[in-house]
Amino acid sequence: MDRIRTCRFLLPLVDDYVDGGSYTLKLPAAVPYALGLGVPLVVNRAVAERFDLQYMVCYPDDDLASGLQAMQKLSARDYATMLETLDRHAEALYRRNIGVLAGLIKRITGQGGAVG
């Protein structure tokens, strides 16, 4: 975890073309690492759209080279903006998940009204 935190980007090497859609099974670790540790991704555009990560460095189809080039050309200001957006996204997911968890606890303990 400490090593991941020192990274500028994470690069999950999965996409629709190579994995035939099974990236939804293989990718999940990269997304929480990015959100939890505040490290953005260089990610396939289709994958980014599926997980609402379009603010990260995205590349089309199997053109990983364009993603790496975009990453290298990213200004310090744009990188800082990406990190801020990543933090807001992570915070929003955290708040949503806490709300869902609170609702489940209320239902389980019978504090949320009628249990059907």
PDB file of N, CA and C in Angstrom:
ATOM      1  N   MET A   1       0.819  -1.191   0.000  1.00  0.00           N
ATOM      2  CA  MET A   1       0.000   0.000   0.000  1.00  0.00           C
ATOM      3  C   MET A   1       0.867   1.260   0.000  1.00  0.00           C
ATOM      4  N   ASP A   2       1.919   1.237   0.806  1.00  0.00           N
ATOM      5  CA  ASP A   2       2.793   2.411   0.859  1.00  0.00           C
ATOM      6  C   ASP A   2       3.433   2.677  -0.502  1.00  0.00           C
ATOM      7  N   ARG A   3       3.810   1.635  -1.199  1.00  0.00           N
ATOM      8  CA  ARG A   3       4.420   1.821  -2.529  1.00  0.00           C
ATOM      9  C   ARG A   3       3.406   2.355  -3.528  1.00  0.00           C
ATOM     10  N   ILE A   4       2.188   1.878  -3.435  1.00  0.00           N
ATOM     11  CA  ILE A   4       1.153   2.361  -4.358  1.00  0.00           C
ATOM     12  C   ILE A   4       0.897   3.846  -4.122  1.00  0.00           C
ATOM     13  N   ARG A   5       0.878   4.267  -2.861  1.00  0.00           N
ATOM     14  CA  ARG A   5       0.642   5.683  -2.538  1.00  0.00           C
ATOM     15  C   ARG A   5       1.696   6.597  -3.160  1.00  0.00           C
ATOM     16  N   THR A   6       2.897   6.088  -3.395  1.00  0.00           N
ATOM     17  CA  THR A   6       3.959   6.923  -3.963  1.00  0.00           C
ATOM     18  C   THR A   6       3.893   6.989  -5.485  1.00  0.00           C
ATOM     19  N   CYS A   7       3.021   6.203  -6.091  1.00  0.00           N
ATOM     20  CA  CYS A   7       2.902   6.202  -7.556  1.00  0.00           C
ATOM     21  C   CYS A   7       2.192   7.459  -8.031  1.00  0.00           C
ATOM     22  N   ARG A   8       2.564   7.895  -9.216  1.00  0.00           N
ATOM     23  CA  ARG A   8       1.872   9.015  -9.852  1.00  0.00           C
ATOM     24  C   ARG A   8       0.583   8.525 -10.505  1.00  0.00           C
ATOM     25  N   PHE A   9       0.605   7.323 -11.082  1.00  0.00           N
ATOM     26  CA  PHE A   9      -0.554   6.702 -11.726  1.00  0.00           C
ATOM     27  C   PHE A   9      -0.516   5.200 -11.510  1.00  0.00           C
ATOM     28  N   LEU A  10      -1.695   4.571 -11.628  1.00  0.00           N
ATOM     29  CA  LEU A  10      -1.805   3.120 -11.722  1.00  0.00           C
ATOM     30  C   LEU A  10      -2.230   2.790 -13.143  1.00  0.00           C
ATOM     31  N   LEU A  11      -1.803   1.639 -13.637  1.00  0.00           N
ATOM     32  CA  LEU A  11      -2.082   1.258 -15.016  1.00  0.00           C
ATOM     33  C   LEU A  11      -2.679  -0.148 -15.061  1.00  0.00           C
ATOM     34  N   PRO A  12      -4.021  -0.260 -14.924  1.00  0.00           N
ATOM     35  CA  PRO A  12      -4.636  -1.578 -15.042  1.00  0.00           C
ATOM     36  C   PRO A  12      -4.681  -1.976 -16.509  1.00  0.00           C
ATOM     37  N   LEU A  13      -4.056  -3.066 -16.866  1.00  0.00           N
ATOM     38  CA  LEU A  13      -3.935  -3.459 -18.271  1.00  0.00           C
ATOM     39  C   LEU A  13      -5.072  -4.392 -18.673  1.00  0.00           C
ATOM     40  N   VAL A  14      -6.275  -3.883 -18.631  1.00  0.00           N
ATOM     41  CA  VAL A  14      -7.445  -4.623 -19.087  1.00  0.00           C
ATOM     42  C   VAL A  14      -8.294  -3.704 -19.956  1.00  0.00           C
ATOM     43  N   ASP A  15      -8.935  -4.279 -20.945  1.00  0.00           N
ATOM     44  CA  ASP A  15      -9.848  -3.533 -21.798  1.00  0.00           C
ATOM     45  C   ASP A  15     -10.814  -4.491 -22.477  1.00  0.00           C
ATOM     46  N   ASP A  16     -11.837  -3.947 -23.109  1.00  0.00           N
ATOM     47  CA  ASP A  16     -12.838  -4.767 -23.795  1.00  0.00           C
ATOM     48  C   ASP A  16     -12.223  -5.633 -24.874  1.00  0.00           C
ATOM     49  N   TYR A  17     -11.297  -5.067 -25.617  1.00  0.00           N
ATOM     50  CA  TYR A  17     -10.710  -5.763 -26.763  1.00  0.00           C
ATOM     51  C   TYR A  17      -9.964  -7.024 -26.329  1.00  0.00           C
ATOM     52  N   VAL A  18      -9.143  -6.906 -25.317  1.00  0.00           N
ATOM     53  CA  VAL A  18      -8.322  -8.026 -24.870  1.00  0.00           C
ATOM     54  C   VAL A  18      -9.137  -9.008 -24.030  1.00  0.00           C
ATOM     55  N   ASP A  19      -9.958  -8.499 -23.137  1.00  0.00           N
ATOM     56  CA  ASP A  19     -10.645  -9.353 -22.176  1.00  0.00           C
ATOM     57  C   ASP A  19     -12.059  -9.748 -22.572  1.00  0.00           C
ATOM     58  N   GLY A  20     -12.543  -9.265 -23.693  1.00  0.00           N
ATOM     59  CA  GLY A  20     -13.876  -9.619 -24.126  1.00  0.00           C
ATOM     60  C   GLY A  20     -14.941  -9.310 -23.082  1.00  0.00           C
ATOM     61  N   GLY A  21     -14.765  -8.235 -22.336  1.00  0.00           N
ATOM     62  CA  GLY A  21     -15.755  -7.833 -21.340  1.00  0.00           C
ATOM     63  C   GLY A  21     -15.515  -8.386 -19.954  1.00  0.00           C
ATOM     64  N   SER A  22     -14.577  -9.289 -19.788  1.00  0.00           N
ATOM     65  CA  SER A  22     -14.363  -9.867 -18.456  1.00  0.00           C
ATOM     66  C   SER A  22     -13.557  -8.945 -17.555  1.00  0.00           C
ATOM     67  N   TYR A  23     -13.227  -7.739 -18.023  1.00  0.00           N
ATOM     68  CA  TYR A  23     -12.487  -6.797 -17.176  1.00  0.00           C
ATOM     69  C   TYR A  23     -13.271  -6.457 -15.926  1.00  0.00           C
ATOM     70  N   THR A  24     -14.591  -6.581 -15.973  1.00  0.00           N
ATOM     71  CA  THR A  24     -15.367  -6.266 -14.773  1.00  0.00           C
ATOM     72  C   THR A  24     -15.035  -7.228 -13.640  1.00  0.00           C
ATOM     73  N   LEU A  25     -14.504  -8.396 -13.968  1.00  0.00           N
ATOM     74  CA  LEU A  25     -14.072  -9.335 -12.939  1.00  0.00           C
ATOM     75  C   LEU A  25     -12.632  -9.098 -12.520  1.00  0.00           C
ATOM     76  N   LYS A  26     -11.798  -8.592 -13.419  1.00  0.00           N
ATOM     77  CA  LYS A  26     -10.364  -8.459 -13.152  1.00  0.00           C
ATOM     78  C   LYS A  26      -9.972  -7.074 -12.660  1.00  0.00           C
ATOM     79  N   LEU A  27     -10.729  -6.056 -12.998  1.00  0.00           N
ATOM     80  CA  LEU A  27     -10.362  -4.677 -12.700  1.00  0.00           C
ATOM     81  C   LEU A  27     -10.674  -4.217 -11.285  1.00  0.00           C
ATOM     82  N   PRO A  28     -11.637  -4.760 -10.602  1.00  0.00           N
ATOM     83  CA  PRO A  28     -12.096  -4.137  -9.371  1.00  0.00           C
ATOM     84  C   PRO A  28     -11.026  -3.738  -8.368  1.00  0.00           C
ATOM     85  N   ALA A  29      -9.904  -4.397  -8.293  1.00  0.00           N
ATOM     86  CA  ALA A  29      -8.877  -4.002  -7.325  1.00  0.00           C
ATOM     87  C   ALA A  29      -8.264  -2.650  -7.679  1.00  0.00           C
ATOM     88  N   ALA A  30      -8.092  -2.354  -8.947  1.00  0.00           N
ATOM     89  CA  ALA A  30      -7.469  -1.095  -9.351  1.00  0.00           C
ATOM     90  C   ALA A  30      -8.334   0.108  -8.994  1.00  0.00           C
ATOM     91  N   VAL A  31      -9.634  -0.013  -9.153  1.00  0.00           N
ATOM     92  CA  VAL A  31     -10.523   1.114  -8.878  1.00  0.00           C
ATOM     93  C   VAL A  31     -10.513   1.493  -7.393  1.00  0.00           C
ATOM     94  N   PRO A  32     -10.684   0.548  -6.457  1.00  0.00           N
ATOM     95  CA  PRO A  32     -10.610   0.949  -5.052  1.00  0.00           C
ATOM     96  C   PRO A  32      -9.228   1.448  -4.637  1.00  0.00           C
ATOM     97  N   TYR A  33      -8.178   0.874  -5.217  1.00  0.00           N
ATOM     98  CA  TYR A  33      -6.842   1.391  -4.911  1.00  0.00           C
ATOM     99  C   TYR A  33      -6.750   2.854  -5.332  1.00  0.00           C
ATOM    100  N   ALA A  34      -7.207   3.145  -6.534  1.00  0.00           N
ATOM    101  CA  ALA A  34      -7.160   4.524  -7.028  1.00  0.00           C
ATOM    102  C   ALA A  34      -7.972   5.441  -6.118  1.00  0.00           C
ATOM    103  N   LEU A  35      -9.197   5.038  -5.813  1.00  0.00           N
ATOM    104  CA  LEU A  35     -10.070   5.877  -4.996  1.00  0.00           C
ATOM    105  C   LEU A  35      -9.610   5.936  -3.541  1.00  0.00           C
ATOM    106  N   GLY A  36      -9.199   4.813  -2.989  1.00  0.00           N
ATOM    107  CA  GLY A  36      -8.818   4.768  -1.585  1.00  0.00           C
ATOM    108  C   GLY A  36      -7.464   5.379  -1.280  1.00  0.00           C
ATOM    109  N   LEU A  37      -6.544   5.249  -2.231  1.00  0.00           N
ATOM    110  CA  LEU A  37      -5.191   5.742  -1.989  1.00  0.00           C
ATOM    111  C   LEU A  37      -4.895   7.055  -2.709  1.00  0.00           C
ATOM    112  N   GLY A  38      -5.871   7.526  -3.498  1.00  0.00           N
ATOM    113  CA  GLY A  38      -5.702   8.811  -4.176  1.00  0.00           C
ATOM    114  C   GLY A  38      -4.705   8.785  -5.316  1.00  0.00           C
ATOM    115  N   VAL A  39      -4.620   7.653  -6.011  1.00  0.00           N
ATOM    116  CA  VAL A  39      -3.699   7.525  -7.147  1.00  0.00           C
ATOM    117  C   VAL A  39      -4.536   7.329  -8.410  1.00  0.00           C
ATOM    118  N   PRO A  40      -4.474   8.278  -9.350  1.00  0.00           N
ATOM    119  CA  PRO A  40      -5.296   8.155 -10.558  1.00  0.00           C
ATOM    120  C   PRO A  40      -4.838   7.019 -11.471  1.00  0.00           C
ATOM    121  N   LEU A  41      -5.714   6.686 -12.413  1.00  0.00           N
ATOM    122  CA  LEU A  41      -5.455   5.609 -13.357  1.00  0.00           C
ATOM    123  C   LEU A  41      -5.179   6.149 -14.754  1.00  0.00           C
ATOM    124  N   VAL A  42      -4.404   5.390 -15.513  1.00  0.00           N
ATOM    125  CA  VAL A  42      -4.363   5.513 -16.971  1.00  0.00           C
ATOM    126  C   VAL A  42      -5.182   4.312 -17.418  1.00  0.00           C
ATOM    127  N   VAL A  43      -6.358   4.582 -17.987  1.00  0.00           N
ATOM    128  CA  VAL A  43      -7.338   3.520 -18.147  1.00  0.00           C
ATOM    129  C   VAL A  43      -8.023   3.578 -19.514  1.00  0.00           C
ATOM    130  N   ASN A  44      -8.395   2.423 -20.000  1.00  0.00           N
ATOM    131  CA  ASN A  44      -9.152   2.307 -21.238  1.00  0.00           C
ATOM    132  C   ASN A  44     -10.452   3.107 -21.104  1.00  0.00           C
ATOM    133  N   ARG A  45     -10.822   3.831 -22.146  1.00  0.00           N
ATOM    134  CA  ARG A  45     -11.993   4.716 -22.092  1.00  0.00           C
ATOM    135  C   ARG A  45     -13.281   3.949 -21.770  1.00  0.00           C
ATOM    136  N   ALA A  46     -13.468   2.775 -22.366  1.00  0.00           N
ATOM    137  CA  ALA A  46     -14.686   1.995 -22.094  1.00  0.00           C
ATOM    138  C   ALA A  46     -14.758   1.593 -20.620  1.00  0.00           C
ATOM    139  N   VAL A  47     -13.635   1.245 -20.055  1.00  0.00           N
ATOM    140  CA  VAL A  47     -13.583   0.892 -18.633  1.00  0.00           C
ATOM    141  C   VAL A  47     -13.870   2.133 -17.789  1.00  0.00           C
ATOM    142  N   ALA A  48     -13.270   3.268 -18.163  1.00  0.00           N
ATOM    143  CA  ALA A  48     -13.496   4.519 -17.428  1.00  0.00           C
ATOM    144  C   ALA A  48     -14.972   4.890 -17.433  1.00  0.00           C
ATOM    145  N   GLU A  49     -15.613   4.739 -18.573  1.00  0.00           N
ATOM    146  CA  GLU A  49     -17.035   5.069 -18.654  1.00  0.00           C
ATOM    147  C   GLU A  49     -17.868   4.127 -17.800  1.00  0.00           C
ATOM    148  N   ARG A  50     -17.525   2.878 -17.754  1.00  0.00           N
ATOM    149  CA  ARG A  50     -18.278   1.902 -16.965  1.00  0.00           C
ATOM    150  C   ARG A  50     -18.226   2.253 -15.476  1.00  0.00           C
ATOM    151  N   PHE A  51     -17.073   2.772 -15.000  1.00  0.00           N
ATOM    152  CA  PHE A  51     -16.884   3.056 -13.575  1.00  0.00           C
ATOM    153  C   PHE A  51     -16.925   4.554 -13.252  1.00  0.00           C
ATOM    154  N   ASP A  52     -17.359   5.390 -14.208  1.00  0.00           N
ATOM    155  CA  ASP A  52     -17.470   6.843 -14.024  1.00  0.00           C
ATOM    156  C   ASP A  52     -16.122   7.474 -13.663  1.00  0.00           C
ATOM    157  N   LEU A  53     -15.094   7.098 -14.422  1.00  0.00           N
ATOM    158  CA  LEU A  53     -13.730   7.580 -14.179  1.00  0.00           C
ATOM    159  C   LEU A  53     -13.202   8.411 -15.349  1.00  0.00           C
ATOM    160  N   GLN A  54     -14.087   9.061 -16.096  1.00  0.00           N
ATOM    161  CA  GLN A  54     -13.675   9.783 -17.302  1.00  0.00           C
ATOM    162  C   GLN A  54     -12.730  10.949 -17.023  1.00  0.00           C
ATOM    163  N   TYR A  55     -12.615  11.389 -15.796  1.00  0.00           N
ATOM    164  CA  TYR A  55     -11.721  12.490 -15.450  1.00  0.00           C
ATOM    165  C   TYR A  55     -10.258  12.042 -15.357  1.00  0.00           C
ATOM    166  N   MET A  56     -10.032  10.743 -15.396  1.00  0.00           N
ATOM    167  CA  MET A  56      -8.659  10.227 -15.354  1.00  0.00           C
ATOM    168  C   MET A  56      -8.091  10.194 -16.769  1.00  0.00           C
ATOM    169  N   VAL A  57      -6.843   9.818 -16.919  1.00  0.00           N
ATOM    170  CA  VAL A  57      -6.238   9.723 -18.246  1.00  0.00           C
ATOM    171  C   VAL A  57      -6.828   8.492 -18.935  1.00  0.00           C
ATOM    172  N   CYS A  58      -7.532   8.730 -20.038  1.00  0.00           N
ATOM    173  CA  CYS A  58      -8.217   7.645 -20.751  1.00  0.00           C
ATOM    174  C   CYS A  58      -7.648   7.509 -22.162  1.00  0.00           C
ATOM    175  N   TYR A  59      -7.644   6.287 -22.646  1.00  0.00           N
ATOM    176  CA  TYR A  59      -7.206   6.037 -24.014  1.00  0.00           C
ATOM    177  C   TYR A  59      -8.264   5.221 -24.735  1.00  0.00           C
ATOM    178  N   PRO A  60      -8.402   5.437 -26.044  1.00  0.00           N
ATOM    179  CA  PRO A  60      -9.431   4.728 -26.800  1.00  0.00           C
ATOM    180  C   PRO A  60      -8.988   3.324 -27.207  1.00  0.00           C
ATOM    181  N   ASP A  61      -9.960   2.436 -27.286  1.00  0.00           N
ATOM    182  CA  ASP A  61      -9.745   1.084 -27.806  1.00  0.00           C
ATOM    183  C   ASP A  61      -8.504   0.441 -27.195  1.00  0.00           C
ATOM    184  N   ASP A  62      -7.580   0.001 -28.050  1.00  0.00           N
ATOM    185  CA  ASP A  62      -6.362  -0.641 -27.542  1.00  0.00           C
ATOM    186  C   ASP A  62      -5.143   0.267 -27.703  1.00  0.00           C
ATOM    187  N   ASP A  63      -5.377   1.588 -27.757  1.00  0.00           N
ATOM    188  CA  ASP A  63      -4.301   2.560 -27.986  1.00  0.00           C
ATOM    189  C   ASP A  63      -3.676   3.017 -26.662  1.00  0.00           C
ATOM    190  N   LEU A  64      -3.071   2.074 -25.960  1.00  0.00           N
ATOM    191  CA  LEU A  64      -2.426   2.372 -24.685  1.00  0.00           C
ATOM    192  C   LEU A  64      -1.359   3.450 -24.836  1.00  0.00           C
ATOM    193  N   ALA A  65      -0.649   3.447 -25.963  1.00  0.00           N
ATOM    194  CA  ALA A  65       0.416   4.433 -26.182  1.00  0.00           C
ATOM    195  C   ALA A  65      -0.119   5.860 -26.078  1.00  0.00           C
ATOM    196  N   SER A  66      -1.325   6.111 -26.585  1.00  0.00           N
ATOM    197  CA  SER A  66      -1.878   7.471 -26.500  1.00  0.00           C
ATOM    198  C   SER A  66      -2.170   7.844 -25.053  1.00  0.00           C
ATOM    199  N   GLY A  67      -2.573   6.880 -24.252  1.00  0.00           N
ATOM    200  CA  GLY A  67      -2.794   7.143 -22.833  1.00  0.00           C
ATOM    201  C   GLY A  67      -1.503   7.475 -22.111  1.00  0.00           C
ATOM    202  N   LEU A  68      -0.465   6.737 -22.422  1.00  0.00           N
ATOM    203  CA  LEU A  68       0.836   7.005 -21.803  1.00  0.00           C
ATOM    204  C   LEU A  68       1.381   8.362 -22.238  1.00  0.00           C
ATOM    205  N   GLN A  69       1.172   8.713 -23.503  1.00  0.00           N
ATOM    206  CA  GLN A  69       1.607  10.029 -23.981  1.00  0.00           C
ATOM    207  C   GLN A  69       0.830  11.139 -23.283  1.00  0.00           C
ATOM    208  N   ALA A  70      -0.484  10.957 -23.144  1.00  0.00           N
ATOM    209  CA  ALA A  70      -1.298  11.957 -22.455  1.00  0.00           C
ATOM    210  C   ALA A  70      -0.855  12.108 -21.003  1.00  0.00           C
ATOM    211  N   MET A  71      -0.516  10.990 -20.365  1.00  0.00           N
ATOM    212  CA  MET A  71      -0.038  11.028 -18.986  1.00  0.00           C
ATOM    213  C   MET A  71       1.250  11.848 -18.888  1.00  0.00           C
ATOM    214  N   GLN A  72       2.170  11.623 -19.822  1.00  0.00           N
ATOM    215  CA  GLN A  72       3.448  12.331 -19.801  1.00  0.00           C
ATOM    216  C   GLN A  72       3.292  13.818 -20.075  1.00  0.00           C
ATOM    217  N   LYS A  73       2.286  14.200 -20.860  1.00  0.00           N
ATOM    218  CA  LYS A  73       2.077  15.603 -21.223  1.00  0.00           C
ATOM    219  C   LYS A  73       1.223  16.354 -20.207  1.00  0.00           C
ATOM    220  N   LEU A  74       0.688  15.657 -19.231  1.00  0.00           N
ATOM    221  CA  LEU A  74      -0.203  16.276 -18.260  1.00  0.00           C
ATOM    222  C   LEU A  74       0.546  17.330 -17.451  1.00  0.00           C
ATOM    223  N   SER A  75       0.010  18.536 -17.420  1.00  0.00           N
ATOM    224  CA  SER A  75       0.647  19.614 -16.655  1.00  0.00           C
ATOM    225  C   SER A  75       0.451  19.385 -15.161  1.00  0.00           C
ATOM    226  N   ALA A  76       1.260  20.049 -14.380  1.00  0.00           N
ATOM    227  CA  ALA A  76       1.146  19.948 -12.918  1.00  0.00           C
ATOM    228  C   ALA A  76      -0.235  20.432 -12.468  1.00  0.00           C
ATOM    229  N   ARG A  77      -0.722  21.468 -13.091  1.00  0.00           N
ATOM    230  CA  ARG A  77      -2.043  22.008 -12.739  1.00  0.00           C
ATOM    231  C   ARG A  77      -3.148  21.002 -13.062  1.00  0.00           C
ATOM    232  N   ASP A  78      -3.087  20.395 -14.262  1.00  0.00           N
ATOM    233  CA  ASP A  78      -4.099  19.412 -14.646  1.00  0.00           C
ATOM    234  C   ASP A  78      -4.024  18.172 -13.763  1.00  0.00           C
ATOM    235  N   TYR A  79      -2.824  17.775 -13.371  1.00  0.00           N
ATOM    236  CA  TYR A  79      -2.671  16.634 -12.469  1.00  0.00           C
ATOM    237  C   TYR A  79      -3.288  16.947 -11.107  1.00  0.00           C
ATOM    238  N   ALA A  80      -3.050  18.148 -10.604  1.00  0.00           N
ATOM    239  CA  ALA A  80      -3.625  18.562  -9.321  1.00  0.00           C
ATOM    240  C   ALA A  80      -5.153  18.581  -9.397  1.00  0.00           C
ATOM    241  N   THR A  81      -5.692  19.064 -10.513  1.00  0.00           N
ATOM    242  CA  THR A  81      -7.147  19.066 -10.707  1.00  0.00           C
ATOM    243  C   THR A  81      -7.688  17.640 -10.727  1.00  0.00           C
ATOM    244  N   MET A  82      -6.956  16.729 -11.383  1.00  0.00           N
ATOM    245  CA  MET A  82      -7.369  15.328 -11.428  1.00  0.00           C
ATOM    246  C   MET A  82      -7.389  14.735 -10.021  1.00  0.00           C
ATOM    247  N   LEU A  83      -6.383  15.049  -9.227  1.00  0.00           N
ATOM    248  CA  LEU A  83      -6.333  14.551  -7.848  1.00  0.00           C
ATOM    249  C   LEU A  83      -7.491  15.090  -7.014  1.00  0.00           C
ATOM    250  N   GLU A  84      -7.835  16.356  -7.210  1.00  0.00           N
ATOM    251  CA  GLU A  84      -8.966  16.948  -6.486  1.00  0.00           C
ATOM    252  C   GLU A  84     -10.273  16.255  -6.873  1.00  0.00           C
ATOM    253  N   THR A  85     -10.447  15.999  -8.172  1.00  0.00           N
ATOM    254  CA  THR A  85     -11.646  15.314  -8.651  1.00  0.00           C
ATOM    255  C   THR A  85     -11.697  13.895  -8.095  1.00  0.00           C
ATOM    256  N   LEU A  86     -10.563  13.221  -8.070  1.00  0.00           N
ATOM    257  CA  LEU A  86     -10.477  11.874  -7.509  1.00  0.00           C
ATOM    258  C   LEU A  86     -10.881  11.881  -6.033  1.00  0.00           C
ATOM    259  N   ASP A  87     -10.396  12.850  -5.288  1.00  0.00           N
ATOM    260  CA  ASP A  87     -10.759  12.961  -3.867  1.00  0.00           C
ATOM    261  C   ASP A  87     -12.251  13.200  -3.693  1.00  0.00           C
ATOM    262  N   ARG A  88     -12.839  14.074  -4.515  1.00  0.00           N
ATOM    263  CA  ARG A  88     -14.280  14.336  -4.427  1.00  0.00           C
ATOM    264  C   ARG A  88     -15.084  13.085  -4.771  1.00  0.00           C
ATOM    265  N   HIS A  89     -14.645  12.359  -5.795  1.00  0.00           N
ATOM    266  CA  HIS A  89     -15.318  11.134  -6.205  1.00  0.00           C
ATOM    267  C   HIS A  89     -15.260  10.109  -5.066  1.00  0.00           C
ATOM    268  N   ALA A  90     -14.088   9.936  -4.483  1.00  0.00           N
ATOM    269  CA  ALA A  90     -13.929   8.980  -3.381  1.00  0.00           C
ATOM    270  C   ALA A  90     -14.793   9.378  -2.187  1.00  0.00           C
ATOM    271  N   GLU A  91     -14.837  10.649  -1.862  1.00  0.00           N
ATOM    272  CA  GLU A  91     -15.647  11.123  -0.738  1.00  0.00           C
ATOM    273  C   GLU A  91     -17.131  10.901  -1.003  1.00  0.00           C
ATOM    274  N   ALA A  92     -17.584  11.159  -2.226  1.00  0.00           N
ATOM    275  CA  ALA A  92     -18.987  10.949  -2.575  1.00  0.00           C
ATOM    276  C   ALA A  92     -19.358   9.467  -2.455  1.00  0.00           C
ATOM    277  N   LEU A  93     -18.485   8.590  -2.929  1.00  0.00           N
ATOM    278  CA  LEU A  93     -18.743   7.156  -2.804  1.00  0.00           C
ATOM    279  C   LEU A  93     -18.759   6.725  -1.347  1.00  0.00           C
ATOM    280  N   TYR A  94     -17.869   7.276  -0.556  1.00  0.00           N
ATOM    281  CA  TYR A  94     -17.822   6.956   0.871  1.00  0.00           C
ATOM    282  C   TYR A  94     -19.138   7.345   1.544  1.00  0.00           C
ATOM    283  N   ARG A  95     -19.590   8.578   1.281  1.00  0.00           N
ATOM    284  CA  ARG A  95     -20.843   9.039   1.890  1.00  0.00           C
ATOM    285  C   ARG A  95     -22.013   8.166   1.442  1.00  0.00           C
ATOM    286  N   ARG A  96     -22.060   7.832   0.156  1.00  0.00           N
ATOM    287  CA  ARG A  96     -23.124   6.972  -0.354  1.00  0.00           C
ATOM    288  C   ARG A  96     -23.084   5.604   0.324  1.00  0.00           C
ATOM    289  N   ASN A  97     -21.893   5.027   0.423  1.00  0.00           N
ATOM    290  CA  ASN A  97     -21.760   3.703   1.025  1.00  0.00           C
ATOM    291  C   ASN A  97     -22.130   3.710   2.503  1.00  0.00           C
ATOM    292  N   ILE A  98     -21.785   4.767   3.213  1.00  0.00           N
ATOM    293  CA  ILE A  98     -22.167   4.879   4.628  1.00  0.00           C
ATOM    294  C   ILE A  98     -23.683   4.949   4.744  1.00  0.00           C
ATOM    295  N   GLY A  99     -24.317   5.691   3.847  1.00  0.00           N
ATOM    296  CA  GLY A  99     -25.778   5.780   3.859  1.00  0.00           C
ATOM    297  C   GLY A  99     -26.424   4.428   3.596  1.00  0.00           C
ATOM    298  N   VAL A 100     -25.902   3.700   2.631  1.00  0.00           N
ATOM    299  CA  VAL A 100     -26.427   2.361   2.324  1.00  0.00           C
ATOM    300  C   VAL A 100     -26.226   1.440   3.515  1.00  0.00           C
ATOM    301  N   LEU A 101     -25.045   1.480   4.105  1.00  0.00           N
ATOM    302  CA  LEU A 101     -24.757   0.639   5.269  1.00  0.00           C
ATOM    303  C   LEU A 101     -25.681   0.984   6.438  1.00  0.00           C
ATOM    304  N   ALA A 102     -25.902   2.264   6.677  1.00  0.00           N
ATOM    305  CA  ALA A 102     -26.797   2.684   7.763  1.00  0.00           C
ATOM    306  C   ALA A 102     -28.211   2.163   7.518  1.00  0.00           C
ATOM    307  N   GLY A 103     -28.652   2.233   6.277  1.00  0.00           N
ATOM    308  CA  GLY A 103     -29.981   1.720   5.949  1.00  0.00           C
ATOM    309  C   GLY A 103     -30.088   0.216   6.181  1.00  0.00           C
ATOM    310  N   LEU A 104     -29.043  -0.514   5.812  1.00  0.00           N
ATOM    311  CA  LEU A 104     -29.039  -1.966   6.037  1.00  0.00           C
ATOM    312  C   LEU A 104     -29.062  -2.304   7.526  1.00  0.00           C
ATOM    313  N   ILE A 105     -28.296  -1.570   8.297  1.00  0.00           N
ATOM    314  CA  ILE A 105     -28.253  -1.811   9.746  1.00  0.00           C
ATOM    315  C   ILE A 105     -29.622  -1.538  10.362  1.00  0.00           C
ATOM    316  N   LYS A 106     -30.268  -0.472   9.927  1.00  0.00           N
ATOM    317  CA  LYS A 106     -31.606  -0.153  10.454  1.00  0.00           C
ATOM    318  C   LYS A 106     -32.605  -1.250  10.100  1.00  0.00           C
ATOM    319  N   ARG A 107     -32.515  -1.745   8.871  1.00  0.00           N
ATOM    320  CA  ARG A 107     -33.429  -2.826   8.466  1.00  0.00           C
ATOM    321  C   ARG A 107     -33.176  -4.092   9.268  1.00  0.00           C
ATOM    322  N   ILE A 108     -31.905  -4.432   9.460  1.00  0.00           N
ATOM    323  CA  ILE A 108     -31.556  -5.655  10.193  1.00  0.00           C
ATOM    324  C   ILE A 108     -31.976  -5.561  11.657  1.00  0.00           C
ATOM    325  N   THR A 109     -31.802  -4.396  12.242  1.00  0.00           N
ATOM    326  CA  THR A 109     -32.125  -4.235  13.664  1.00  0.00           C
ATOM    327  C   THR A 109     -33.579  -3.836  13.902  1.00  0.00           C
ATOM    328  N   GLY A 110     -34.340  -3.664  12.820  1.00  0.00           N
ATOM    329  CA  GLY A 110     -35.750  -3.330  12.959  1.00  0.00           C
ATOM    330  C   GLY A 110     -36.002  -1.887  13.303  1.00  0.00           C
ATOM    331  N   GLN A 111     -35.021  -1.013  13.147  1.00  0.00           N
ATOM    332  CA  GLN A 111     -35.168   0.407  13.469  1.00  0.00           C
ATOM    333  C   GLN A 111     -35.617   1.229  12.277  1.00  0.00           C
ATOM    334  N   GLY A 112     -35.769   0.585  11.130  1.00  0.00           N
ATOM    335  CA  GLY A 112     -36.110   1.344   9.924  1.00  0.00           C
ATOM    336  C   GLY A 112     -37.562   1.246   9.535  1.00  0.00           C
ATOM    337  N   GLY A 113     -38.434   0.950  10.444  1.00  0.00           N
ATOM    338  CA  GLY A 113     -39.849   0.809  10.117  1.00  0.00           C
ATOM    339  C   GLY A 113     -40.192  -0.631   9.834  1.00  0.00           C
ATOM    340  N   ALA A 114     -41.204  -0.818   9.059  1.00  0.00           N
ATOM    341  CA  ALA A 114     -41.699  -2.162   8.750  1.00  0.00           C
ATOM    342  C   ALA A 114     -40.666  -2.953   7.951  1.00  0.00           C
ATOM    343  N   VAL A 115     -40.468  -4.177   8.352  1.00  0.00           N
ATOM    344  CA  VAL A 115     -39.570  -5.086   7.638  1.00  0.00           C
ATOM    345  C   VAL A 115     -40.433  -6.024   6.837  1.00  0.00           C
ATOM    346  N   GLY A 116     -40.216  -6.060   5.495  1.00  0.00           N
ATOM    347  CA  GLY A 116     -41.092  -6.852   4.666  1.00  0.00           C
ATOM    348  C   GLY A 116     -40.505  -8.109   4.316  1.00  0.00           C
TER     349      GLY A 116
END
